[in-house]
């Protein structure tokens, strides 16, 4: 039985690759943690959970996206992740979107499978609770079609922070099955920590 027959909006995937990576000093979406640029690694991982997968980018980046992947240029410009999410929802008004940031090198299939399995289509979003500050994580979350109107409403109030939208909306909040998978890598120090965790996991896997 298809998702449409169940009245469940189809799930699309979106990798956020439009950031300018000012804190890192280089493009986070092009960093190679698993043998290929993270934007492609994340997109490949999403393909097992979504009907279509797109890479979100700034308009001028679109030409640089590998032609074997689908690019989705921002139409809400200069708004960071908020604009990327709105752009995706506006492009496909009847679809839900599983959003994944490109700075999550420890993200794994278990984490994606869990948020999809726990998805609540009656909420505007299904999100993980950050193990670091207890707040919703908007950039590893499923945003339902109805979230488009909610995001526009908050934008009209001068709010363009997706986390603030989740904090002040009716969402389903999940405890992550693997808290380390939600680790953001934004600085050189974060890179070292993530590399240490990945090395430790690889060593354990081959023992």
N, C-alpha and C. Protein backbone atom coordinates (compact mmCIF):
# COMPACT_ATOMS: atom_id res chain seq x y z
N UNK A 1 0.86 -1.19 0.00
CA UNK A 1 0.00 0.00 0.00
C UNK A 1 0.89 1.24 0.00
N UNK A 2 0.62 2.18 -0.87
CA UNK A 2 1.46 3.35 -0.99
C UNK A 2 1.14 4.35 0.10
N UNK A 3 2.08 5.30 0.27
CA UNK A 3 1.87 6.33 1.28
C UNK A 3 0.66 7.18 0.94
N UNK A 4 0.38 7.37 -0.37
CA UNK A 4 -0.76 8.19 -0.77
C UNK A 4 -2.07 7.51 -0.38
N UNK A 5 -2.13 6.18 -0.53
CA UNK A 5 -3.34 5.45 -0.16
C UNK A 5 -3.57 5.50 1.34
N UNK A 6 -2.52 5.67 2.09
CA UNK A 6 -2.62 5.78 3.54
C UNK A 6 -2.86 7.22 3.98
N UNK A 7 -2.93 8.13 3.01
CA UNK A 7 -3.03 9.57 3.30
C UNK A 7 -1.83 10.08 4.08
N UNK A 8 -0.70 9.41 3.87
CA UNK A 8 0.55 9.84 4.49
C UNK A 8 1.38 10.53 3.41
N UNK A 9 1.74 11.78 3.62
CA UNK A 9 2.53 12.48 2.60
C UNK A 9 3.83 11.73 2.29
N UNK A 10 4.16 11.61 1.01
CA UNK A 10 5.43 10.97 0.65
C UNK A 10 6.60 11.69 1.30
N UNK A 11 7.66 10.93 1.58
CA UNK A 11 8.82 11.50 2.27
C UNK A 11 9.97 11.70 1.29
N UNK A 12 10.40 12.95 1.16
CA UNK A 12 11.56 13.30 0.36
C UNK A 12 12.72 13.63 1.30
N UNK A 13 13.93 13.54 0.77
CA UNK A 13 15.12 13.84 1.57
C UNK A 13 15.82 15.09 1.07
N UNK A 14 16.42 15.83 1.98
CA UNK A 14 17.13 17.05 1.63
C UNK A 14 18.41 17.17 2.43
N UNK A 15 19.54 17.22 1.74
CA UNK A 15 20.83 17.46 2.38
C UNK A 15 21.14 18.95 2.28
N UNK A 16 21.37 19.57 3.41
CA UNK A 16 21.65 21.01 3.44
C UNK A 16 23.13 21.25 3.15
N UNK A 17 23.40 21.80 1.97
CA UNK A 17 24.79 22.01 1.55
C UNK A 17 25.05 23.45 1.15
N UNK A 18 24.17 24.36 1.55
CA UNK A 18 24.30 25.74 1.10
C UNK A 18 24.99 26.67 2.07
N UNK A 19 25.45 26.15 3.20
CA UNK A 19 26.10 27.00 4.19
C UNK A 19 27.45 27.51 3.73
N UNK A 20 27.89 28.60 4.33
CA UNK A 20 29.16 29.20 3.95
C UNK A 20 30.32 28.76 4.84
N UNK A 21 30.03 27.96 5.87
CA UNK A 21 31.07 27.32 6.70
C UNK A 21 32.11 28.31 7.22
N UNK A 22 31.64 29.44 7.72
CA UNK A 22 32.57 30.48 8.18
C UNK A 22 33.41 30.03 9.37
N UNK A 23 32.79 29.30 10.30
CA UNK A 23 33.55 28.86 11.48
C UNK A 23 34.59 27.81 11.12
N UNK A 24 34.24 26.94 10.17
CA UNK A 24 35.16 25.88 9.78
C UNK A 24 36.28 26.41 8.91
N UNK A 25 35.98 27.38 8.07
CA UNK A 25 36.99 27.93 7.19
C UNK A 25 37.10 27.20 5.86
N UNK A 26 36.31 26.15 5.68
CA UNK A 26 36.23 25.44 4.40
C UNK A 26 34.86 24.80 4.30
N UNK A 27 34.46 24.42 3.09
CA UNK A 27 33.11 23.91 2.87
C UNK A 27 32.90 22.57 3.59
N UNK A 28 31.99 22.57 4.55
CA UNK A 28 31.73 21.34 5.31
C UNK A 28 31.10 20.27 4.44
N UNK A 29 30.31 20.69 3.44
CA UNK A 29 29.63 19.70 2.60
C UNK A 29 30.60 18.96 1.69
N UNK A 30 31.82 19.51 1.51
CA UNK A 30 32.81 18.86 0.64
C UNK A 30 33.84 18.06 1.43
N UNK A 31 33.77 18.12 2.76
CA UNK A 31 34.70 17.34 3.57
C UNK A 31 34.42 15.85 3.38
N UNK A 32 35.48 15.07 3.32
CA UNK A 32 35.34 13.63 3.09
C UNK A 32 35.60 12.86 4.38
N UNK A 33 34.53 12.33 4.94
CA UNK A 33 34.62 11.52 6.16
C UNK A 33 34.55 10.03 5.86
N UNK A 34 33.89 9.70 4.75
CA UNK A 34 33.62 8.29 4.43
C UNK A 34 33.96 7.98 2.97
N UNK A 35 35.01 8.63 2.46
CA UNK A 35 35.47 8.31 1.11
C UNK A 35 34.86 9.14 -0.01
N UNK A 36 33.94 10.03 0.33
CA UNK A 36 33.36 10.93 -0.67
C UNK A 36 32.88 12.19 0.03
N UNK A 37 32.61 13.25 -0.73
CA UNK A 37 32.14 14.49 -0.14
C UNK A 37 30.90 14.21 0.70
N UNK A 38 30.82 14.84 1.86
CA UNK A 38 29.75 14.55 2.80
C UNK A 38 28.36 14.80 2.20
N UNK A 39 28.23 15.79 1.33
CA UNK A 39 26.90 16.05 0.75
C UNK A 39 26.41 14.86 -0.06
N UNK A 40 27.33 14.16 -0.72
CA UNK A 40 26.94 12.98 -1.50
C UNK A 40 26.77 11.75 -0.62
N UNK A 41 27.63 11.63 0.39
CA UNK A 41 27.50 10.51 1.31
C UNK A 41 26.14 10.56 2.03
N UNK A 42 25.77 11.75 2.49
CA UNK A 42 24.48 11.91 3.18
C UNK A 42 23.32 11.66 2.23
N UNK A 43 23.44 12.14 1.00
CA UNK A 43 22.37 11.92 0.01
C UNK A 43 22.20 10.44 -0.29
N UNK A 44 23.31 9.73 -0.42
CA UNK A 44 23.24 8.29 -0.68
C UNK A 44 22.57 7.56 0.47
N UNK A 45 22.87 7.96 1.69
CA UNK A 45 22.28 7.33 2.87
C UNK A 45 20.77 7.59 2.92
N UNK A 46 20.35 8.78 2.53
CA UNK A 46 18.93 9.13 2.56
C UNK A 46 18.11 8.34 1.54
N UNK A 47 18.76 7.88 0.47
CA UNK A 47 18.02 7.21 -0.61
C UNK A 47 17.30 5.96 -0.13
N UNK A 48 17.78 5.35 0.93
CA UNK A 48 17.14 4.14 1.45
C UNK A 48 15.87 4.46 2.25
N UNK A 49 15.65 5.74 2.55
CA UNK A 49 14.53 6.11 3.41
C UNK A 49 13.55 7.08 2.75
N UNK A 50 13.90 7.61 1.59
CA UNK A 50 13.09 8.65 0.95
C UNK A 50 12.81 8.30 -0.52
N UNK A 51 11.69 8.78 -1.02
CA UNK A 51 11.33 8.50 -2.40
C UNK A 51 12.20 9.26 -3.39
N UNK A 52 12.59 10.47 -3.04
CA UNK A 52 13.52 11.27 -3.83
C UNK A 52 14.44 12.00 -2.86
N UNK A 53 15.66 12.27 -3.30
CA UNK A 53 16.63 12.97 -2.46
C UNK A 53 17.23 14.13 -3.24
N UNK A 54 17.29 15.28 -2.61
CA UNK A 54 17.84 16.48 -3.22
C UNK A 54 18.97 17.03 -2.36
N UNK A 55 19.87 17.76 -3.02
CA UNK A 55 20.91 18.50 -2.30
C UNK A 55 20.56 19.97 -2.38
N UNK A 56 20.31 20.56 -1.22
CA UNK A 56 19.97 21.97 -1.13
C UNK A 56 21.23 22.81 -1.29
N UNK A 57 21.12 23.88 -2.07
CA UNK A 57 22.30 24.71 -2.32
C UNK A 57 21.90 26.15 -2.62
N UNK A 58 22.87 27.04 -2.55
CA UNK A 58 22.65 28.40 -3.02
C UNK A 58 22.56 28.36 -4.54
N UNK A 59 21.84 29.29 -5.17
CA UNK A 59 21.67 29.25 -6.63
C UNK A 59 22.99 29.14 -7.39
N UNK A 60 24.01 29.86 -6.92
CA UNK A 60 25.28 29.84 -7.65
C UNK A 60 26.05 28.52 -7.47
N UNK A 61 25.63 27.70 -6.51
CA UNK A 61 26.27 26.40 -6.29
C UNK A 61 25.72 25.30 -7.20
N UNK A 62 24.54 25.50 -7.75
CA UNK A 62 23.83 24.43 -8.44
C UNK A 62 24.67 23.77 -9.54
N UNK A 63 25.45 24.60 -10.24
CA UNK A 63 26.26 24.08 -11.35
C UNK A 63 27.38 23.16 -10.86
N UNK A 64 27.70 23.23 -9.57
CA UNK A 64 28.79 22.42 -9.03
C UNK A 64 28.33 21.08 -8.45
N UNK A 65 27.01 20.88 -8.39
CA UNK A 65 26.49 19.61 -7.88
C UNK A 65 26.63 18.53 -8.94
N UNK A 66 27.18 17.40 -8.57
CA UNK A 66 27.33 16.27 -9.48
C UNK A 66 26.00 15.98 -10.18
N UNK A 67 26.03 15.80 -11.51
CA UNK A 67 24.79 15.64 -12.28
C UNK A 67 24.04 14.35 -11.94
N UNK A 68 24.66 13.44 -11.23
CA UNK A 68 23.97 12.22 -10.83
C UNK A 68 23.12 12.43 -9.57
N UNK A 69 23.17 13.65 -9.02
CA UNK A 69 22.36 14.01 -7.86
C UNK A 69 21.43 15.16 -8.24
N UNK A 70 20.32 15.26 -7.54
CA UNK A 70 19.34 16.32 -7.80
C UNK A 70 19.65 17.53 -6.93
N UNK A 71 19.84 18.68 -7.57
CA UNK A 71 20.08 19.92 -6.83
C UNK A 71 18.77 20.66 -6.62
N UNK A 72 18.65 21.32 -5.46
CA UNK A 72 17.48 22.13 -5.17
C UNK A 72 17.95 23.50 -4.69
N UNK A 73 18.11 24.45 -5.62
CA UNK A 73 18.59 25.79 -5.25
C UNK A 73 17.58 26.52 -4.37
N UNK A 74 18.09 27.29 -3.44
CA UNK A 74 17.22 28.08 -2.57
C UNK A 74 16.43 29.10 -3.39
N UNK A 75 15.16 29.26 -3.03
CA UNK A 75 14.35 30.34 -3.59
C UNK A 75 14.03 31.37 -2.50
N UNK A 76 14.19 30.97 -1.25
CA UNK A 76 14.19 31.92 -0.14
C UNK A 76 15.67 32.20 0.15
N UNK A 77 16.15 33.35 -0.27
CA UNK A 77 17.59 33.59 -0.30
C UNK A 77 18.13 34.21 0.98
N UNK A 78 19.39 33.88 1.26
CA UNK A 78 20.15 34.48 2.37
C UNK A 78 19.48 34.27 3.72
N UNK A 79 18.89 33.09 3.90
CA UNK A 79 18.21 32.78 5.16
C UNK A 79 18.76 31.51 5.79
N UNK A 80 19.84 30.97 5.26
CA UNK A 80 20.42 29.77 5.84
C UNK A 80 19.49 28.58 5.75
N UNK A 81 19.56 27.68 6.75
CA UNK A 81 18.72 26.47 6.74
C UNK A 81 17.23 26.77 6.67
N UNK A 82 16.80 27.87 7.27
CA UNK A 82 15.38 28.24 7.26
C UNK A 82 14.91 28.41 5.81
N UNK A 83 15.71 29.12 5.02
CA UNK A 83 15.36 29.33 3.63
C UNK A 83 15.39 28.05 2.83
N UNK A 84 16.32 27.15 3.15
CA UNK A 84 16.42 25.87 2.44
C UNK A 84 15.19 25.01 2.70
N UNK A 85 14.76 24.95 3.95
CA UNK A 85 13.57 24.16 4.30
C UNK A 85 12.34 24.74 3.63
N UNK A 86 12.17 26.06 3.69
CA UNK A 86 11.03 26.70 3.03
C UNK A 86 11.05 26.47 1.52
N UNK A 87 12.23 26.55 0.92
CA UNK A 87 12.35 26.35 -0.52
C UNK A 87 11.91 24.95 -0.92
N UNK A 88 12.31 23.96 -0.13
CA UNK A 88 11.93 22.58 -0.42
C UNK A 88 10.42 22.39 -0.28
N UNK A 89 9.86 22.89 0.80
CA UNK A 89 8.43 22.74 1.04
C UNK A 89 7.61 23.46 -0.03
N UNK A 90 8.09 24.59 -0.51
CA UNK A 90 7.36 25.32 -1.55
C UNK A 90 7.45 24.59 -2.89
N UNK A 91 8.58 23.96 -3.14
CA UNK A 91 8.76 23.23 -4.40
C UNK A 91 7.81 22.03 -4.51
N UNK A 92 7.63 21.34 -3.40
CA UNK A 92 6.78 20.14 -3.36
C UNK A 92 5.81 20.31 -2.20
N UNK A 93 4.67 20.93 -2.45
CA UNK A 93 3.75 21.30 -1.39
C UNK A 93 3.08 20.11 -0.70
N UNK A 94 3.05 18.95 -1.36
CA UNK A 94 2.37 17.79 -0.78
C UNK A 94 3.34 16.77 -0.20
N UNK A 95 4.61 17.16 -0.09
CA UNK A 95 5.63 16.22 0.40
C UNK A 95 6.12 16.63 1.79
N UNK A 96 6.49 15.61 2.55
CA UNK A 96 7.24 15.84 3.79
C UNK A 96 8.72 15.72 3.46
N UNK A 97 9.54 16.38 4.27
CA UNK A 97 10.98 16.40 3.98
C UNK A 97 11.77 15.95 5.20
N UNK A 98 12.62 14.95 4.97
CA UNK A 98 13.59 14.54 5.99
C UNK A 98 14.85 15.38 5.74
N UNK A 99 15.08 16.33 6.63
CA UNK A 99 16.18 17.27 6.49
C UNK A 99 17.42 16.74 7.20
N UNK A 100 18.56 16.82 6.53
CA UNK A 100 19.82 16.38 7.13
C UNK A 100 20.89 17.45 6.86
N UNK A 101 21.53 17.94 7.89
CA UNK A 101 22.63 18.88 7.74
C UNK A 101 23.86 18.14 7.22
N UNK A 102 24.77 18.89 6.59
CA UNK A 102 25.96 18.26 6.02
C UNK A 102 27.11 18.22 7.02
N UNK A 103 26.86 18.67 8.26
CA UNK A 103 27.94 18.67 9.25
C UNK A 103 27.70 17.63 10.33
N UNK A 104 27.14 16.48 9.91
CA UNK A 104 26.86 15.38 10.84
C UNK A 104 27.60 14.13 10.37
N UNK A 105 28.93 14.09 10.52
CA UNK A 105 29.70 12.96 10.00
C UNK A 105 29.44 11.64 10.70
N UNK A 106 28.83 11.68 11.90
CA UNK A 106 28.55 10.45 12.63
C UNK A 106 27.12 9.94 12.40
N UNK A 107 26.37 10.66 11.56
CA UNK A 107 25.00 10.24 11.25
C UNK A 107 25.01 8.85 10.63
N UNK A 108 24.04 8.02 11.03
CA UNK A 108 24.01 6.65 10.53
C UNK A 108 22.58 6.22 10.17
N UNK A 109 22.49 5.04 9.55
CA UNK A 109 21.20 4.53 9.10
C UNK A 109 20.24 4.31 10.25
N UNK A 110 20.76 3.88 11.40
CA UNK A 110 19.89 3.63 12.56
C UNK A 110 19.15 4.89 12.97
N UNK A 111 19.86 6.01 12.95
CA UNK A 111 19.25 7.29 13.34
C UNK A 111 18.18 7.72 12.35
N UNK A 112 18.42 7.52 11.06
CA UNK A 112 17.44 7.87 10.04
C UNK A 112 16.24 6.93 10.09
N UNK A 113 16.51 5.65 10.28
CA UNK A 113 15.42 4.67 10.34
C UNK A 113 14.50 4.94 11.53
N UNK A 114 15.08 5.34 12.65
CA UNK A 114 14.28 5.57 13.86
C UNK A 114 13.37 6.79 13.70
N UNK A 115 13.90 7.88 13.16
CA UNK A 115 13.05 9.07 13.02
C UNK A 115 11.94 8.82 12.00
N UNK A 116 12.23 8.02 10.98
CA UNK A 116 11.18 7.70 10.01
C UNK A 116 10.12 6.80 10.64
N UNK A 117 10.56 5.80 11.41
CA UNK A 117 9.61 4.87 12.05
C UNK A 117 8.73 5.57 13.07
N UNK A 118 9.28 6.59 13.73
CA UNK A 118 8.56 7.30 14.78
C UNK A 118 7.82 8.53 14.26
N UNK A 119 7.86 8.75 12.98
CA UNK A 119 7.24 9.93 12.36
C UNK A 119 5.76 10.06 12.74
N UNK A 120 5.37 11.27 13.11
CA UNK A 120 3.97 11.56 13.41
C UNK A 120 3.46 12.58 12.39
N UNK A 121 2.66 12.12 11.44
CA UNK A 121 2.20 12.99 10.36
C UNK A 121 1.18 14.02 10.83
N UNK A 122 0.70 13.87 12.07
CA UNK A 122 -0.28 14.82 12.60
C UNK A 122 0.39 16.01 13.30
N UNK A 123 1.71 15.95 13.46
CA UNK A 123 2.47 17.07 14.00
C UNK A 123 3.11 17.80 12.82
N UNK A 124 3.60 19.02 13.05
CA UNK A 124 4.26 19.70 11.93
C UNK A 124 5.65 19.14 11.68
N UNK A 125 6.22 18.47 12.70
CA UNK A 125 7.56 17.92 12.53
C UNK A 125 7.81 16.82 13.55
N UNK A 126 8.72 15.91 13.18
CA UNK A 126 9.24 14.90 14.09
C UNK A 126 10.74 15.16 14.19
N UNK A 127 11.20 15.43 15.41
CA UNK A 127 12.57 15.89 15.59
C UNK A 127 13.24 15.16 16.74
N UNK A 128 14.56 15.13 16.69
CA UNK A 128 15.32 14.59 17.81
C UNK A 128 15.57 15.66 18.86
N UNK A 129 15.61 15.22 20.10
CA UNK A 129 16.02 16.10 21.19
C UNK A 129 17.54 16.07 21.28
N UNK A 130 18.15 17.25 21.25
CA UNK A 130 19.60 17.31 21.29
C UNK A 130 20.13 16.74 22.60
N UNK A 131 21.12 15.83 22.53
CA UNK A 131 21.72 15.30 23.76
C UNK A 131 22.62 16.33 24.44
N UNK A 132 22.84 17.46 23.77
CA UNK A 132 23.76 18.47 24.29
C UNK A 132 23.05 19.58 25.06
N UNK A 133 21.86 19.99 24.59
CA UNK A 133 21.15 21.06 25.30
C UNK A 133 19.66 20.76 25.52
N UNK A 134 19.21 19.58 25.08
CA UNK A 134 17.83 19.18 25.33
C UNK A 134 16.80 19.81 24.41
N UNK A 135 17.24 20.65 23.48
CA UNK A 135 16.31 21.33 22.58
C UNK A 135 16.13 20.53 21.29
N UNK A 136 15.07 20.82 20.53
CA UNK A 136 14.85 20.09 19.28
C UNK A 136 15.96 20.35 18.26
N UNK A 137 16.30 19.32 17.51
CA UNK A 137 17.29 19.44 16.44
C UNK A 137 16.55 19.59 15.11
N UNK A 138 16.50 20.79 14.54
CA UNK A 138 15.72 21.00 13.32
C UNK A 138 16.37 20.45 12.06
N UNK A 139 17.68 20.17 12.12
CA UNK A 139 18.39 19.80 10.91
C UNK A 139 18.72 18.31 10.83
N UNK A 140 18.02 17.53 11.65
CA UNK A 140 17.90 16.08 11.47
C UNK A 140 16.49 15.79 11.93
N UNK A 141 15.54 16.10 11.05
CA UNK A 141 14.13 16.10 11.42
C UNK A 141 13.27 15.92 10.17
N UNK A 142 12.04 15.46 10.39
CA UNK A 142 11.05 15.37 9.31
C UNK A 142 10.09 16.54 9.45
N UNK A 143 10.00 17.34 8.41
CA UNK A 143 9.09 18.49 8.36
C UNK A 143 7.92 18.11 7.46
N UNK A 144 6.71 18.11 8.04
CA UNK A 144 5.52 17.73 7.28
C UNK A 144 5.05 18.91 6.40
N UNK A 145 4.21 18.63 5.39
CA UNK A 145 3.73 19.70 4.51
C UNK A 145 3.12 20.89 5.25
N UNK A 146 2.40 20.64 6.34
CA UNK A 146 1.75 21.73 7.08
C UNK A 146 2.75 22.67 7.74
N UNK A 147 4.01 22.24 7.84
CA UNK A 147 5.01 23.10 8.47
C UNK A 147 5.31 24.32 7.60
N UNK A 148 4.98 24.25 6.32
CA UNK A 148 5.25 25.38 5.43
C UNK A 148 4.53 26.64 5.92
N UNK A 149 3.24 26.49 6.20
CA UNK A 149 2.46 27.64 6.69
C UNK A 149 2.99 28.13 8.04
N UNK A 150 3.38 27.18 8.89
CA UNK A 150 3.91 27.55 10.20
C UNK A 150 5.22 28.33 10.07
N UNK A 151 6.10 27.86 9.20
CA UNK A 151 7.37 28.55 8.98
C UNK A 151 7.15 29.95 8.42
N UNK A 152 6.22 30.09 7.49
CA UNK A 152 5.91 31.40 6.93
C UNK A 152 5.34 32.34 7.99
N UNK A 153 4.52 31.79 8.87
CA UNK A 153 3.93 32.59 9.94
C UNK A 153 5.01 33.13 10.88
N UNK A 154 5.95 32.27 11.25
CA UNK A 154 7.04 32.72 12.12
C UNK A 154 7.91 33.74 11.39
N UNK A 155 8.14 33.51 10.10
CA UNK A 155 8.94 34.44 9.32
C UNK A 155 8.29 35.82 9.30
N UNK A 156 6.97 35.84 9.23
CA UNK A 156 6.23 37.10 9.26
C UNK A 156 6.39 37.84 10.58
N UNK A 157 6.77 37.09 11.62
CA UNK A 157 7.00 37.70 12.93
C UNK A 157 8.48 38.06 13.13
N UNK A 158 9.25 37.89 12.07
CA UNK A 158 10.67 38.23 12.15
C UNK A 158 11.54 37.12 12.68
N UNK A 159 10.99 35.90 12.76
CA UNK A 159 11.75 34.75 13.28
C UNK A 159 12.17 33.86 12.11
N UNK A 160 13.48 33.65 11.98
CA UNK A 160 13.98 32.78 10.90
C UNK A 160 14.95 31.74 11.45
N UNK A 161 14.62 31.23 12.62
CA UNK A 161 15.40 30.17 13.26
C UNK A 161 14.54 28.92 13.33
N UNK A 162 14.89 27.87 12.57
CA UNK A 162 14.05 26.67 12.58
C UNK A 162 13.91 26.03 13.96
N UNK A 163 14.92 26.15 14.79
CA UNK A 163 14.84 25.58 16.14
C UNK A 163 13.77 26.30 16.96
N UNK A 164 13.69 27.63 16.84
CA UNK A 164 12.66 28.38 17.56
C UNK A 164 11.27 27.98 17.11
N UNK A 165 11.12 27.67 15.83
CA UNK A 165 9.83 27.21 15.32
C UNK A 165 9.44 25.90 15.99
N UNK A 166 10.38 24.98 16.08
CA UNK A 166 10.10 23.68 16.70
C UNK A 166 9.79 23.84 18.19
N UNK A 167 10.54 24.69 18.87
CA UNK A 167 10.33 24.90 20.30
C UNK A 167 8.92 25.41 20.58
N UNK A 168 8.41 26.23 19.68
CA UNK A 168 7.11 26.89 19.90
C UNK A 168 5.99 26.29 19.07
N UNK A 169 6.15 25.04 18.63
CA UNK A 169 5.12 24.39 17.81
C UNK A 169 4.81 22.99 18.33
N UNK A 170 3.75 22.41 17.76
CA UNK A 170 3.31 21.07 18.14
C UNK A 170 4.11 20.05 17.34
N UNK A 171 5.13 19.47 17.98
CA UNK A 171 6.00 18.52 17.30
C UNK A 171 6.09 17.22 18.10
N UNK A 172 6.64 16.21 17.46
CA UNK A 172 6.97 14.98 18.17
C UNK A 172 8.48 15.01 18.42
N UNK A 173 8.87 14.87 19.67
CA UNK A 173 10.28 14.96 20.05
C UNK A 173 10.78 13.58 20.48
N UNK A 174 11.89 13.17 19.89
CA UNK A 174 12.42 11.83 20.12
C UNK A 174 13.76 11.86 20.83
N UNK A 175 14.01 10.85 21.65
CA UNK A 175 15.35 10.66 22.20
C UNK A 175 16.16 9.86 21.18
N UNK A 176 17.32 10.34 20.79
CA UNK A 176 18.11 9.65 19.76
C UNK A 176 18.61 8.29 20.23
N UNK A 177 18.52 7.27 19.36
CA UNK A 177 19.04 5.95 19.73
C UNK A 177 20.56 5.93 19.81
N UNK A 178 21.20 6.85 19.09
CA UNK A 178 22.65 6.98 19.11
C UNK A 178 22.99 8.46 19.24
N UNK A 179 23.10 8.97 20.47
CA UNK A 179 23.32 10.41 20.67
C UNK A 179 24.51 10.99 19.92
N UNK A 180 25.58 10.21 19.76
CA UNK A 180 26.76 10.72 19.07
C UNK A 180 26.48 11.04 17.61
N UNK A 181 25.46 10.39 17.03
CA UNK A 181 25.13 10.61 15.63
C UNK A 181 24.66 12.03 15.36
N UNK A 182 24.27 12.75 16.43
CA UNK A 182 23.78 14.11 16.28
C UNK A 182 24.87 15.16 16.49
N UNK A 183 26.10 14.71 16.58
CA UNK A 183 27.20 15.64 16.81
C UNK A 183 27.46 16.52 15.60
N UNK A 184 27.34 17.84 15.78
CA UNK A 184 27.66 18.79 14.72
C UNK A 184 29.16 19.06 14.70
N UNK A 185 29.71 19.17 13.51
CA UNK A 185 31.12 19.49 13.36
C UNK A 185 31.23 20.85 12.70
N UNK A 186 31.57 21.86 13.49
CA UNK A 186 31.63 23.24 13.00
C UNK A 186 33.00 23.88 13.12
N UNK A 187 33.88 23.26 13.89
CA UNK A 187 35.19 23.86 14.13
C UNK A 187 36.29 22.81 13.95
N UNK A 188 37.52 23.26 13.92
CA UNK A 188 38.66 22.35 13.79
C UNK A 188 38.70 21.40 14.99
N UNK A 189 38.33 21.91 16.16
CA UNK A 189 38.31 21.06 17.36
C UNK A 189 37.26 19.96 17.23
N UNK A 190 36.11 20.31 16.65
CA UNK A 190 35.05 19.32 16.42
C UNK A 190 35.53 18.23 15.47
N UNK A 191 36.29 18.64 14.45
CA UNK A 191 36.81 17.68 13.47
C UNK A 191 37.67 16.63 14.17
N UNK A 192 38.55 17.07 15.03
CA UNK A 192 39.45 16.15 15.74
C UNK A 192 38.65 15.17 16.60
N UNK A 193 37.62 15.69 17.26
CA UNK A 193 36.80 14.84 18.12
C UNK A 193 36.04 13.80 17.29
N UNK A 194 35.48 14.23 16.17
CA UNK A 194 34.72 13.31 15.31
C UNK A 194 35.64 12.25 14.71
N UNK A 195 36.84 12.65 14.30
CA UNK A 195 37.79 11.69 13.75
C UNK A 195 38.17 10.64 14.78
N UNK A 196 38.32 11.09 16.03
CA UNK A 196 38.66 10.16 17.12
C UNK A 196 37.54 9.14 17.32
N UNK A 197 36.29 9.61 17.29
CA UNK A 197 35.14 8.70 17.47
C UNK A 197 35.05 7.72 16.31
N UNK A 198 35.21 8.23 15.08
CA UNK A 198 35.14 7.35 13.91
C UNK A 198 36.25 6.31 13.93
N UNK A 199 37.45 6.71 14.33
CA UNK A 199 38.58 5.77 14.41
C UNK A 199 38.31 4.70 15.46
N UNK A 200 37.76 5.12 16.59
CA UNK A 200 37.44 4.17 17.66
C UNK A 200 36.39 3.16 17.19
N UNK A 201 35.37 3.65 16.49
CA UNK A 201 34.32 2.76 16.01
C UNK A 201 34.86 1.78 14.96
N UNK A 202 35.73 2.29 14.10
CA UNK A 202 36.30 1.44 13.05
C UNK A 202 37.18 0.36 13.66
N UNK A 203 37.92 0.73 14.69
CA UNK A 203 38.77 -0.23 15.38
C UNK A 203 37.95 -1.32 16.05
N UNK A 204 36.87 -0.94 16.70
CA UNK A 204 35.97 -1.90 17.37
C UNK A 204 35.33 -2.84 16.35
N UNK A 205 34.99 -2.28 15.17
CA UNK A 205 34.33 -3.07 14.12
C UNK A 205 35.23 -4.17 13.59
N UNK A 206 36.55 -3.91 13.59
CA UNK A 206 37.47 -4.87 12.99
C UNK A 206 38.23 -5.70 14.03
N UNK A 207 37.80 -5.62 15.27
CA UNK A 207 38.43 -6.44 16.31
C UNK A 207 37.90 -7.87 16.26
